[in-house]
Amino acid sequence: MRLCEAASVKDGEPVAAFAEGMPALAVYNVDGEIFVTDNLCTHGNAMLTDGYQDGDIIECPFHGGSFDIKTGAAKAFPCQVAIASYPVEIEDGWVCITKPEGAA
């Protein structure tokens, strides 16, 4: 499923994306490589795209916890539960992911 044009995702400036049957998603550019994770922090009701990206780390805007953009792993307290990350393909200039089995 297409999320956004790859050229619209600038390094250090995550983009919110939406796809039918999926949670809110975040698209990141880390040194020219594109990554996609869930956009909602697992600690609080905050959109990670409203936070601060530093390299391959995204910091939640609410409590300063953070996640590894490449793996989804929680990196700083109070975040302890990983966010989902998705394999990315670039097709005709678009960021695309495959809908995981079991997603609505």
PDB file of N, CA and C in Angstrom:
ATOM      1  N   MET A   1       0.825  -1.171   0.000  1.00  0.00           N
ATOM      2  CA  MET A   1       0.000   0.000   0.000  1.00  0.00           C
ATOM      3  C   MET A   1       0.876   1.245   0.000  1.00  0.00           C
ATOM      4  N   ARG A   2       0.464   2.230  -0.799  1.00  0.00           N
ATOM      5  CA  ARG A   2       1.216   3.479  -0.921  1.00  0.00           C
ATOM      6  C   ARG A   2       0.934   4.380   0.269  1.00  0.00           C
ATOM      7  N   LEU A   3       2.007   5.012   0.778  1.00  0.00           N
ATOM      8  CA  LEU A   3       1.853   5.919   1.909  1.00  0.00           C
ATOM      9  C   LEU A   3       2.075   7.375   1.527  1.00  0.00           C
ATOM     10  N   CYS A   4       3.172   7.654   0.855  1.00  0.00           N
ATOM     11  CA  CYS A   4       3.501   9.029   0.459  1.00  0.00           C
ATOM     12  C   CYS A   4       4.628   8.968  -0.563  1.00  0.00           C
ATOM     13  N   GLU A   5       4.881  10.086  -1.210  1.00  0.00           N
ATOM     14  CA  GLU A   5       6.002  10.142  -2.139  1.00  0.00           C
ATOM     15  C   GLU A   5       7.305  10.168  -1.349  1.00  0.00           C
ATOM     16  N   ALA A   6       8.253   9.359  -1.764  1.00  0.00           N
ATOM     17  CA  ALA A   6       9.527   9.272  -1.052  1.00  0.00           C
ATOM     18  C   ALA A   6      10.236  10.628  -1.000  1.00  0.00           C
ATOM     19  N   ALA A   7      10.126  11.412  -2.059  1.00  0.00           N
ATOM     20  CA  ALA A   7      10.798  12.710  -2.110  1.00  0.00           C
ATOM     21  C   ALA A   7      10.245  13.697  -1.086  1.00  0.00           C
ATOM     22  N   SER A   8       9.039  13.442  -0.574  1.00  0.00           N
ATOM     23  CA  SER A   8       8.433  14.363   0.392  1.00  0.00           C
ATOM     24  C   SER A   8       8.940  14.132   1.813  1.00  0.00           C
ATOM     25  N   VAL A   9       9.723  13.064   2.027  1.00  0.00           N
ATOM     26  CA  VAL A   9      10.220  12.728   3.364  1.00  0.00           C
ATOM     27  C   VAL A   9      11.670  13.198   3.467  1.00  0.00           C
ATOM     28  N   LYS A  10      11.860  14.285   4.201  1.00  0.00           N
ATOM     29  CA  LYS A  10      13.194  14.876   4.351  1.00  0.00           C
ATOM     30  C   LYS A  10      13.897  14.299   5.573  1.00  0.00           C
ATOM     31  N   ASP A  11      15.210  14.198   5.492  1.00  0.00           N
ATOM     32  CA  ASP A  11      16.013  13.684   6.604  1.00  0.00           C
ATOM     33  C   ASP A  11      15.749  14.515   7.857  1.00  0.00           C
ATOM     34  N   GLY A  12      15.344  13.851   8.936  1.00  0.00           N
ATOM     35  CA  GLY A  12      15.105  14.536  10.196  1.00  0.00           C
ATOM     36  C   GLY A  12      13.721  15.138  10.344  1.00  0.00           C
ATOM     37  N   GLU A  13      12.835  14.959   9.333  1.00  0.00           N
ATOM     38  CA  GLU A  13      11.492  15.536   9.378  1.00  0.00           C
ATOM     39  C   GLU A  13      10.455  14.449   9.107  1.00  0.00           C
ATOM     40  N   PRO A  14      10.057  13.682  10.134  1.00  0.00           N
ATOM     41  CA  PRO A  14       9.112  12.587   9.918  1.00  0.00           C
ATOM     42  C   PRO A  14       7.772  13.089   9.387  1.00  0.00           C
ATOM     43  N   VAL A  15       7.122  12.220   8.618  1.00  0.00           N
ATOM     44  CA  VAL A  15       5.855  12.541   7.967  1.00  0.00           C
ATOM     45  C   VAL A  15       4.787  11.566   8.457  1.00  0.00           C
ATOM     46  N   ALA A  16       3.623  12.091   8.821  1.00  0.00           N
ATOM     47  CA  ALA A  16       2.492  11.240   9.195  1.00  0.00           C
ATOM     48  C   ALA A  16       1.875  10.660   7.932  1.00  0.00           C
ATOM     49  N   ALA A  17       1.475   9.399   8.008  1.00  0.00           N
ATOM     50  CA  ALA A  17       0.845   8.733   6.864  1.00  0.00           C
ATOM     51  C   ALA A  17      -0.317   7.885   7.369  1.00  0.00           C
ATOM     52  N   PHE A  18      -1.280   7.700   6.498  1.00  0.00           N
ATOM     53  CA  PHE A  18      -2.472   6.938   6.858  1.00  0.00           C
ATOM     54  C   PHE A  18      -2.782   5.947   5.747  1.00  0.00           C
ATOM     55  N   ALA A  19      -3.157   4.735   6.131  1.00  0.00           N
ATOM     56  CA  ALA A  19      -3.516   3.686   5.184  1.00  0.00           C
ATOM     57  C   ALA A  19      -4.709   2.934   5.763  1.00  0.00           C
ATOM     58  N   GLU A  20      -5.643   2.604   4.924  1.00  0.00           N
ATOM     59  CA  GLU A  20      -6.860   1.937   5.370  1.00  0.00           C
ATOM     60  C   GLU A  20      -6.545   0.639   6.110  1.00  0.00           C
ATOM     61  N   GLY A  21      -7.165   0.474   7.266  1.00  0.00           N
ATOM     62  CA  GLY A  21      -6.989  -0.739   8.048  1.00  0.00           C
ATOM     63  C   GLY A  21      -5.704  -0.788   8.859  1.00  0.00           C
ATOM     64  N   MET A  22      -4.967   0.310   8.891  1.00  0.00           N
ATOM     65  CA  MET A  22      -3.697   0.365   9.615  1.00  0.00           C
ATOM     66  C   MET A  22      -3.778   1.456  10.683  1.00  0.00           C
ATOM     67  N   PRO A  23      -2.957   1.332  11.749  1.00  0.00           N
ATOM     68  CA  PRO A  23      -2.864   2.439  12.703  1.00  0.00           C
ATOM     69  C   PRO A  23      -2.187   3.631  12.034  1.00  0.00           C
ATOM     70  N   ALA A  24      -2.201   4.785  12.680  1.00  0.00           N
ATOM     71  CA  ALA A  24      -1.465   5.945  12.169  1.00  0.00           C
ATOM     72  C   ALA A  24       0.000   5.552  12.019  1.00  0.00           C
ATOM     73  N   LEU A  25       0.614   5.962  10.931  1.00  0.00           N
ATOM     74  CA  LEU A  25       1.991   5.586  10.617  1.00  0.00           C
ATOM     75  C   LEU A  25       2.886   6.815  10.546  1.00  0.00           C
ATOM     76  N   ALA A  26       4.174   6.589  10.769  1.00  0.00           N
ATOM     77  CA  ALA A  26       5.191   7.629  10.625  1.00  0.00           C
ATOM     78  C   ALA A  26       6.221   7.151   9.606  1.00  0.00           C
ATOM     79  N   VAL A  27       6.588   8.038   8.700  1.00  0.00           N
ATOM     80  CA  VAL A  27       7.585   7.737   7.674  1.00  0.00           C
ATOM     81  C   VAL A  27       8.800   8.612   7.947  1.00  0.00           C
ATOM     82  N   TYR A  28       9.972   7.998   7.964  1.00  0.00           N
ATOM     83  CA  TYR A  28      11.215   8.697   8.312  1.00  0.00           C
ATOM     84  C   TYR A  28      12.248   8.535   7.203  1.00  0.00           C
ATOM     85  N   ASN A  29      13.105   9.536   7.079  1.00  0.00           N
ATOM     86  CA  ASN A  29      14.289   9.461   6.239  1.00  0.00           C
ATOM     87  C   ASN A  29      15.479   9.522   7.192  1.00  0.00           C
ATOM     88  N   VAL A  30      16.287   8.479   7.194  1.00  0.00           N
ATOM     89  CA  VAL A  30      17.493   8.429   8.017  1.00  0.00           C
ATOM     90  C   VAL A  30      18.675   8.257   7.065  1.00  0.00           C
ATOM     91  N   ASP A  31      19.394   9.340   6.848  1.00  0.00           N
ATOM     92  CA  ASP A  31      20.558   9.326   5.938  1.00  0.00           C
ATOM     93  C   ASP A  31      20.207   8.741   4.572  1.00  0.00           C
ATOM     94  N   GLY A  32      19.037   9.120   4.038  1.00  0.00           N
ATOM     95  CA  GLY A  32      18.637   8.700   2.705  1.00  0.00           C
ATOM     96  C   GLY A  32      17.879   7.393   2.645  1.00  0.00           C
ATOM     97  N   GLU A  33      17.758   6.688   3.761  1.00  0.00           N
ATOM     98  CA  GLU A  33      17.005   5.434   3.805  1.00  0.00           C
ATOM     99  C   GLU A  33      15.651   5.686   4.469  1.00  0.00           C
ATOM    100  N   ILE A  34      14.594   5.105   3.909  1.00  0.00           N
ATOM    101  CA  ILE A  34      13.231   5.331   4.391  1.00  0.00           C
ATOM    102  C   ILE A  34      12.806   4.207   5.330  1.00  0.00           C
ATOM    103  N   PHE A  35      12.154   4.597   6.441  1.00  0.00           N
ATOM    104  CA  PHE A  35      11.631   3.655   7.432  1.00  0.00           C
ATOM    105  C   PHE A  35      10.199   4.031   7.767  1.00  0.00           C
ATOM    106  N   VAL A  36       9.401   3.028   8.184  1.00  0.00           N
ATOM    107  CA  VAL A  36       8.013   3.264   8.589  1.00  0.00           C
ATOM    108  C   VAL A  36       7.769   2.560   9.922  1.00  0.00           C
ATOM    109  N   THR A  37       7.154   3.297  10.859  1.00  0.00           N
ATOM    110  CA  THR A  37       6.755   2.731  12.148  1.00  0.00           C
ATOM    111  C   THR A  37       5.326   3.190  12.451  1.00  0.00           C
ATOM    112  N   ASP A  38       4.742   2.602  13.496  1.00  0.00           N
ATOM    113  CA  ASP A  38       3.519   3.169  14.035  1.00  0.00           C
ATOM    114  C   ASP A  38       3.837   4.584  14.492  1.00  0.00           C
ATOM    115  N   ASN A  39       2.844   5.458  14.449  1.00  0.00           N
ATOM    116  CA  ASN A  39       3.062   6.855  14.815  1.00  0.00           C
ATOM    117  C   ASN A  39       2.696   7.137  16.269  1.00  0.00           C
ATOM    118  N   LEU A  40       1.917   6.283  16.893  1.00  0.00           N
ATOM    119  CA  LEU A  40       1.455   6.530  18.256  1.00  0.00           C
ATOM    120  C   LEU A  40       2.440   5.963  19.271  1.00  0.00           C
ATOM    121  N   CYS A  41       2.896   6.811  20.189  1.00  0.00           N
ATOM    122  CA  CYS A  41       3.801   6.379  21.246  1.00  0.00           C
ATOM    123  C   CYS A  41       3.130   5.300  22.092  1.00  0.00           C
ATOM    124  N   THR A  42       3.883   4.294  22.496  1.00  0.00           N
ATOM    125  CA  THR A  42       3.330   3.213  23.323  1.00  0.00           C
ATOM    126  C   THR A  42       3.211   3.610  24.788  1.00  0.00           C
ATOM    127  N   HIS A  43       3.766   4.751  25.170  1.00  0.00           N
ATOM    128  CA  HIS A  43       3.702   5.201  26.562  1.00  0.00           C
ATOM    129  C   HIS A  43       2.538   6.164  26.794  1.00  0.00           C
ATOM    130  N   GLY A  44       2.331   7.080  25.877  1.00  0.00           N
ATOM    131  CA  GLY A  44       1.277   8.077  26.031  1.00  0.00           C
ATOM    132  C   GLY A  44       0.599   8.316  24.703  1.00  0.00           C
ATOM    133  N   ASN A  45      -0.492   9.046  24.725  1.00  0.00           N
ATOM    134  CA  ASN A  45      -1.268   9.285  23.518  1.00  0.00           C
ATOM    135  C   ASN A  45      -0.660  10.450  22.732  1.00  0.00           C
ATOM    136  N   ALA A  46       0.510  10.216  22.145  1.00  0.00           N
ATOM    137  CA  ALA A  46       1.220  11.258  21.401  1.00  0.00           C
ATOM    138  C   ALA A  46       1.649  10.738  20.039  1.00  0.00           C
ATOM    139  N   MET A  47       1.571  11.613  19.058  1.00  0.00           N
ATOM    140  CA  MET A  47       2.041  11.273  17.719  1.00  0.00           C
ATOM    141  C   MET A  47       3.544  11.525  17.646  1.00  0.00           C
ATOM    142  N   LEU A  48       4.289  10.503  17.266  1.00  0.00           N
ATOM    143  CA  LEU A  48       5.750  10.625  17.214  1.00  0.00           C
ATOM    144  C   LEU A  48       6.194  11.639  16.165  1.00  0.00           C
ATOM    145  N   THR A  49       5.395  11.834  15.117  1.00  0.00           N
ATOM    146  CA  THR A  49       5.758  12.826  14.102  1.00  0.00           C
ATOM    147  C   THR A  49       5.737  14.245  14.665  1.00  0.00           C
ATOM    148  N   ASP A  50       5.152  14.435  15.859  1.00  0.00           N
ATOM    149  CA  ASP A  50       5.196  15.733  16.529  1.00  0.00           C
ATOM    150  C   ASP A  50       6.442  15.855  17.414  1.00  0.00           C
ATOM    151  N   GLY A  51       7.214  14.787  17.489  1.00  0.00           N
ATOM    152  CA  GLY A  51       8.414  14.763  18.317  1.00  0.00           C
ATOM    153  C   GLY A  51       9.637  15.221  17.553  1.00  0.00           C
ATOM    154  N   TYR A  52      10.803  14.861  18.089  1.00  0.00           N
ATOM    155  CA  TYR A  52      12.080  15.309  17.544  1.00  0.00           C
ATOM    156  C   TYR A  52      12.877  14.113  17.043  1.00  0.00           C
ATOM    157  N   GLN A  53      13.270  14.147  15.763  1.00  0.00           N
ATOM    158  CA  GLN A  53      14.102  13.085  15.195  1.00  0.00           C
ATOM    159  C   GLN A  53      15.559  13.500  15.257  1.00  0.00           C
ATOM    160  N   ASP A  54      16.383  12.622  15.852  1.00  0.00           N
ATOM    161  CA  ASP A  54      17.826  12.833  15.917  1.00  0.00           C
ATOM    162  C   ASP A  54      18.485  11.594  15.341  1.00  0.00           C
ATOM    163  N   GLY A  55      18.869  11.656  14.081  1.00  0.00           N
ATOM    164  CA  GLY A  55      19.440  10.481  13.406  1.00  0.00           C
ATOM    165  C   GLY A  55      18.404   9.388  13.317  1.00  0.00           C
ATOM    166  N   ASP A  56      18.706   8.216  13.912  1.00  0.00           N
ATOM    167  CA  ASP A  56      17.766   7.096  13.840  1.00  0.00           C
ATOM    168  C   ASP A  56      16.946   6.943  15.128  1.00  0.00           C
ATOM    169  N   ILE A  57      16.838   8.038  15.897  1.00  0.00           N
ATOM    170  CA  ILE A  57      16.047   8.044  17.131  1.00  0.00           C
ATOM    171  C   ILE A  57      14.912   9.058  16.991  1.00  0.00           C
ATOM    172  N   ILE A  58      13.695   8.645  17.385  1.00  0.00           N
ATOM    173  CA  ILE A  58      12.565   9.570  17.437  1.00  0.00           C
ATOM    174  C   ILE A  58      12.173   9.734  18.900  1.00  0.00           C
ATOM    175  N   GLU A  59      12.109  10.992  19.324  1.00  0.00           N
ATOM    176  CA  GLU A  59      11.757  11.310  20.714  1.00  0.00           C
ATOM    177  C   GLU A  59      10.297  11.731  20.777  1.00  0.00           C
ATOM    178  N   CYS A  60       9.563  11.134  21.694  1.00  0.00           N
ATOM    179  CA  CYS A  60       8.154  11.451  21.897  1.00  0.00           C
ATOM    180  C   CYS A  60       8.028  12.889  22.423  1.00  0.00           C
ATOM    181  N   PRO A  61       7.037  13.650  21.930  1.00  0.00           N
ATOM    182  CA  PRO A  61       6.895  15.029  22.376  1.00  0.00           C
ATOM    183  C   PRO A  61       6.333  15.171  23.794  1.00  0.00           C
ATOM    184  N   PHE A  62       5.738  14.121  24.359  1.00  0.00           N
ATOM    185  CA  PHE A  62       5.104  14.245  25.673  1.00  0.00           C
ATOM    186  C   PHE A  62       6.080  14.105  26.836  1.00  0.00           C
ATOM    187  N   HIS A  63       6.795  13.002  26.905  1.00  0.00           N
ATOM    188  CA  HIS A  63       7.588  12.714  28.099  1.00  0.00           C
ATOM    189  C   HIS A  63       9.069  12.491  27.818  1.00  0.00           C
ATOM    190  N   GLY A  64       9.500  12.685  26.577  1.00  0.00           N
ATOM    191  CA  GLY A  64      10.913  12.583  26.264  1.00  0.00           C
ATOM    192  C   GLY A  64      11.443  11.177  26.080  1.00  0.00           C
ATOM    193  N   GLY A  65      10.562  10.170  26.137  1.00  0.00           N
ATOM    194  CA  GLY A  65      10.992   8.815  25.819  1.00  0.00           C
ATOM    195  C   GLY A  65      11.330   8.737  24.345  1.00  0.00           C
ATOM    196  N   SER A  66      12.010   7.672  23.934  1.00  0.00           N
ATOM    197  CA  SER A  66      12.391   7.601  22.524  1.00  0.00           C
ATOM    198  C   SER A  66      12.415   6.158  22.020  1.00  0.00           C
ATOM    199  N   PHE A  67      12.466   6.058  20.683  1.00  0.00           N
ATOM    200  CA  PHE A  67      12.454   4.778  19.990  1.00  0.00           C
ATOM    201  C   PHE A  67      13.505   4.774  18.892  1.00  0.00           C
ATOM    202  N   ASP A  68      13.998   3.574  18.585  1.00  0.00           N
ATOM    203  CA  ASP A  68      14.894   3.365  17.453  1.00  0.00           C
ATOM    204  C   ASP A  68      14.027   3.284  16.198  1.00  0.00           C
ATOM    205  N   ILE A  69      14.210   4.201  15.271  1.00  0.00           N
ATOM    206  CA  ILE A  69      13.401   4.252  14.059  1.00  0.00           C
ATOM    207  C   ILE A  69      13.583   2.986  13.222  1.00  0.00           C
ATOM    208  N   LYS A  70      14.781   2.429  13.189  1.00  0.00           N
ATOM    209  CA  LYS A  70      15.059   1.280  12.326  1.00  0.00           C
ATOM    210  C   LYS A  70      14.432  -0.008  12.843  1.00  0.00           C
ATOM    211  N   THR A  71      14.295  -0.152  14.167  1.00  0.00           N
ATOM    212  CA  THR A  71      13.801  -1.415  14.734  1.00  0.00           C
ATOM    213  C   THR A  71      12.495  -1.271  15.509  1.00  0.00           C
ATOM    214  N   GLY A  72      12.174  -0.044  15.926  1.00  0.00           N
ATOM    215  CA  GLY A  72      10.996   0.184  16.762  1.00  0.00           C
ATOM    216  C   GLY A  72      11.269   0.005  18.246  1.00  0.00           C
ATOM    217  N   ALA A  73      12.457  -0.419  18.619  1.00  0.00           N
ATOM    218  CA  ALA A  73      12.787  -0.689  20.025  1.00  0.00           C
ATOM    219  C   ALA A  73      12.714   0.577  20.870  1.00  0.00           C
ATOM    220  N   ALA A  74      12.158   0.440  22.078  1.00  0.00           N
ATOM    221  CA  ALA A  74      12.155   1.548  23.029  1.00  0.00           C
ATOM    222  C   ALA A  74      13.598   1.804  23.462  1.00  0.00           C
ATOM    223  N   LYS A  75      14.005   3.082  23.485  1.00  0.00           N
ATOM    224  CA  LYS A  75      15.397   3.424  23.789  1.00  0.00           C
ATOM    225  C   LYS A  75      15.569   4.247  25.053  1.00  0.00           C
ATOM    226  N   ALA A  76      14.541   4.994  25.462  1.00  0.00           N
ATOM    227  CA  ALA A  76      14.688   5.841  26.647  1.00  0.00           C
ATOM    228  C   ALA A  76      13.393   5.850  27.445  1.00  0.00           C
ATOM    229  N   PHE A  77      13.535   5.795  28.765  1.00  0.00           N
ATOM    230  CA  PHE A  77      12.418   5.834  29.688  1.00  0.00           C
ATOM    231  C   PHE A  77      11.651   7.153  29.496  1.00  0.00           C
ATOM    232  N   PRO A  78      10.332   7.184  29.607  1.00  0.00           N
ATOM    233  CA  PRO A  78       9.458   6.145  30.141  1.00  0.00           C
ATOM    234  C   PRO A  78       8.979   5.121  29.124  1.00  0.00           C
ATOM    235  N   CYS A  79       9.404   5.220  27.876  1.00  0.00           N
ATOM    236  CA  CYS A  79       8.974   4.244  26.861  1.00  0.00           C
ATOM    237  C   CYS A  79       9.648   2.904  27.140  1.00  0.00           C
ATOM    238  N   GLN A  80       8.841   1.846  27.207  1.00  0.00           N
ATOM    239  CA  GLN A  80       9.364   0.510  27.463  1.00  0.00           C
ATOM    240  C   GLN A  80       8.881  -0.513  26.450  1.00  0.00           C
ATOM    241  N   VAL A  81       7.765  -0.222  25.788  1.00  0.00           N
ATOM    242  CA  VAL A  81       7.191  -1.140  24.805  1.00  0.00           C
ATOM    243  C   VAL A  81       7.533  -0.625  23.415  1.00  0.00           C
ATOM    244  N   ALA A  82       8.054  -1.511  22.579  1.00  0.00           N
ATOM    245  CA  ALA A  82       8.448  -1.135  21.218  1.00  0.00           C
ATOM    246  C   ALA A  82       7.248  -0.694  20.388  1.00  0.00           C
ATOM    247  N   ILE A  83       7.504   0.124  19.378  1.00  0.00           N
ATOM    248  CA  ILE A  83       6.506   0.443  18.378  1.00  0.00           C
ATOM    249  C   ILE A  83       6.705  -0.512  17.205  1.00  0.00           C
ATOM    250  N   ALA A  84       5.635  -0.775  16.478  1.00  0.00           N
ATOM    251  CA  ALA A  84       5.745  -1.655  15.304  1.00  0.00           C
ATOM    252  C   ALA A  84       6.521  -0.940  14.204  1.00  0.00           C
ATOM    253  N   SER A  85       7.360  -1.691  13.507  1.00  0.00           N
ATOM    254  CA  SER A  85       8.053  -1.164  12.339  1.00  0.00           C
ATOM    255  C   SER A  85       7.706  -2.064  11.159  1.00  0.00           C
ATOM    256  N   TYR A  86       7.778  -1.506   9.963  1.00  0.00           N
ATOM    257  CA  TYR A  86       7.297  -2.206   8.772  1.00  0.00           C
ATOM    258  C   TYR A  86       8.363  -2.210   7.685  1.00  0.00           C
ATOM    259  N   PRO A  87       8.498  -3.336   6.971  1.00  0.00           N
ATOM    260  CA  PRO A  87       9.415  -3.363   5.827  1.00  0.00           C
ATOM    261  C   PRO A  87       8.936  -2.381   4.751  1.00  0.00           C
ATOM    262  N   VAL A  88       9.863  -1.654   4.170  1.00  0.00           N
ATOM    263  CA  VAL A  88       9.543  -0.600   3.204  1.00  0.00           C
ATOM    264  C   VAL A  88      10.066  -0.976   1.829  1.00  0.00           C
ATOM    265  N   GLU A  89       9.268  -0.658   0.827  1.00  0.00           N
ATOM    266  CA  GLU A  89       9.709  -0.735  -0.567  1.00  0.00           C
ATOM    267  C   GLU A  89       9.410   0.604  -1.210  1.00  0.00           C
ATOM    268  N   ILE A  90      10.286   1.058  -2.086  1.00  0.00           N
ATOM    269  CA  ILE A  90      10.033   2.269  -2.866  1.00  0.00           C
ATOM    270  C   ILE A  90       9.616   1.803  -4.258  1.00  0.00           C
ATOM    271  N   GLU A  91       8.387   2.146  -4.642  1.00  0.00           N
ATOM    272  CA  GLU A  91       7.840   1.743  -5.943  1.00  0.00           C
ATOM    273  C   GLU A  91       7.406   2.981  -6.703  1.00  0.00           C
ATOM    274  N   ASP A  92       8.019   3.215  -7.850  1.00  0.00           N
ATOM    275  CA  ASP A  92       7.695   4.374  -8.691  1.00  0.00           C
ATOM    276  C   ASP A  92       7.749   5.682  -7.899  1.00  0.00           C
ATOM    277  N   GLY A  93       8.721   5.782  -6.973  1.00  0.00           N
ATOM    278  CA  GLY A  93       8.898   7.000  -6.198  1.00  0.00           C
ATOM    279  C   GLY A  93       8.002   7.108  -4.976  1.00  0.00           C
ATOM    280  N   TRP A  94       7.222   6.061  -4.692  1.00  0.00           N
ATOM    281  CA  TRP A  94       6.315   6.066  -3.541  1.00  0.00           C
ATOM    282  C   TRP A  94       6.823   5.142  -2.446  1.00  0.00           C
ATOM    283  N   VAL A  95       6.643   5.573  -1.179  1.00  0.00           N
ATOM    284  CA  VAL A  95       6.938   4.730  -0.026  1.00  0.00           C
ATOM    285  C   VAL A  95       5.770   3.760   0.120  1.00  0.00           C
ATOM    286  N   CYS A  96       6.076   2.460   0.118  1.00  0.00           N
ATOM    287  CA  CYS A  96       5.039   1.436   0.192  1.00  0.00           C
ATOM    288  C   CYS A  96       5.373   0.421   1.289  1.00  0.00           C
ATOM    289  N   ILE A  97       4.316  -0.086   1.926  1.00  0.00           N
ATOM    290  CA  ILE A  97       4.462  -1.207   2.856  1.00  0.00           C
ATOM    291  C   ILE A  97       3.411  -2.240   2.495  1.00  0.00           C
ATOM    292  N   THR A  98       3.636  -3.458   2.958  1.00  0.00           N
ATOM    293  CA  THR A  98       2.655  -4.519   2.804  1.00  0.00           C
ATOM    294  C   THR A  98       1.846  -4.577   4.084  1.00  0.00           C
ATOM    295  N   LYS A  99       0.539  -4.629   3.944  1.00  0.00           N
ATOM    296  CA  LYS A  99      -0.330  -4.712   5.116  1.00  0.00           C
ATOM    297  C   LYS A  99      -0.062  -6.027   5.833  1.00  0.00           C
ATOM    298  N   PRO A 100       0.251  -5.980   7.127  1.00  0.00           N
ATOM    299  CA  PRO A 100       0.548  -7.214   7.865  1.00  0.00           C
ATOM    300  C   PRO A 100      -0.667  -8.122   7.939  1.00  0.00           C
ATOM    301  N   GLU A 101      -0.431  -9.423   7.975  1.00  0.00           N
ATOM    302  CA  GLU A 101      -1.524 -10.377   8.140  1.00  0.00           C
ATOM    303  C   GLU A 101      -2.235 -10.091   9.453  1.00  0.00           C
ATOM    304  N   GLY A 102      -3.545 -10.148   9.424  1.00  0.00           N
ATOM    305  CA  GLY A 102      -4.332  -9.912  10.627  1.00  0.00           C
ATOM    306  C   GLY A 102      -4.729  -8.458  10.802  1.00  0.00           C
ATOM    307  N   ALA A 103      -4.166  -7.537  10.013  1.00  0.00           N
ATOM    308  CA  ALA A 103      -4.592  -6.139  10.103  1.00  0.00           C
ATOM    309  C   ALA A 103      -5.984  -6.027   9.496  1.00  0.00           C
ATOM    310  N   ALA A 104      -6.785  -5.133  10.043  1.00  0.00           N
ATOM    311  CA  ALA A 104      -8.177  -4.994   9.598  1.00  0.00           C
ATOM    312  C   ALA A 104      -8.281  -4.644   8.138  1.00  0.00           C
TER     313      ALA A 104
END
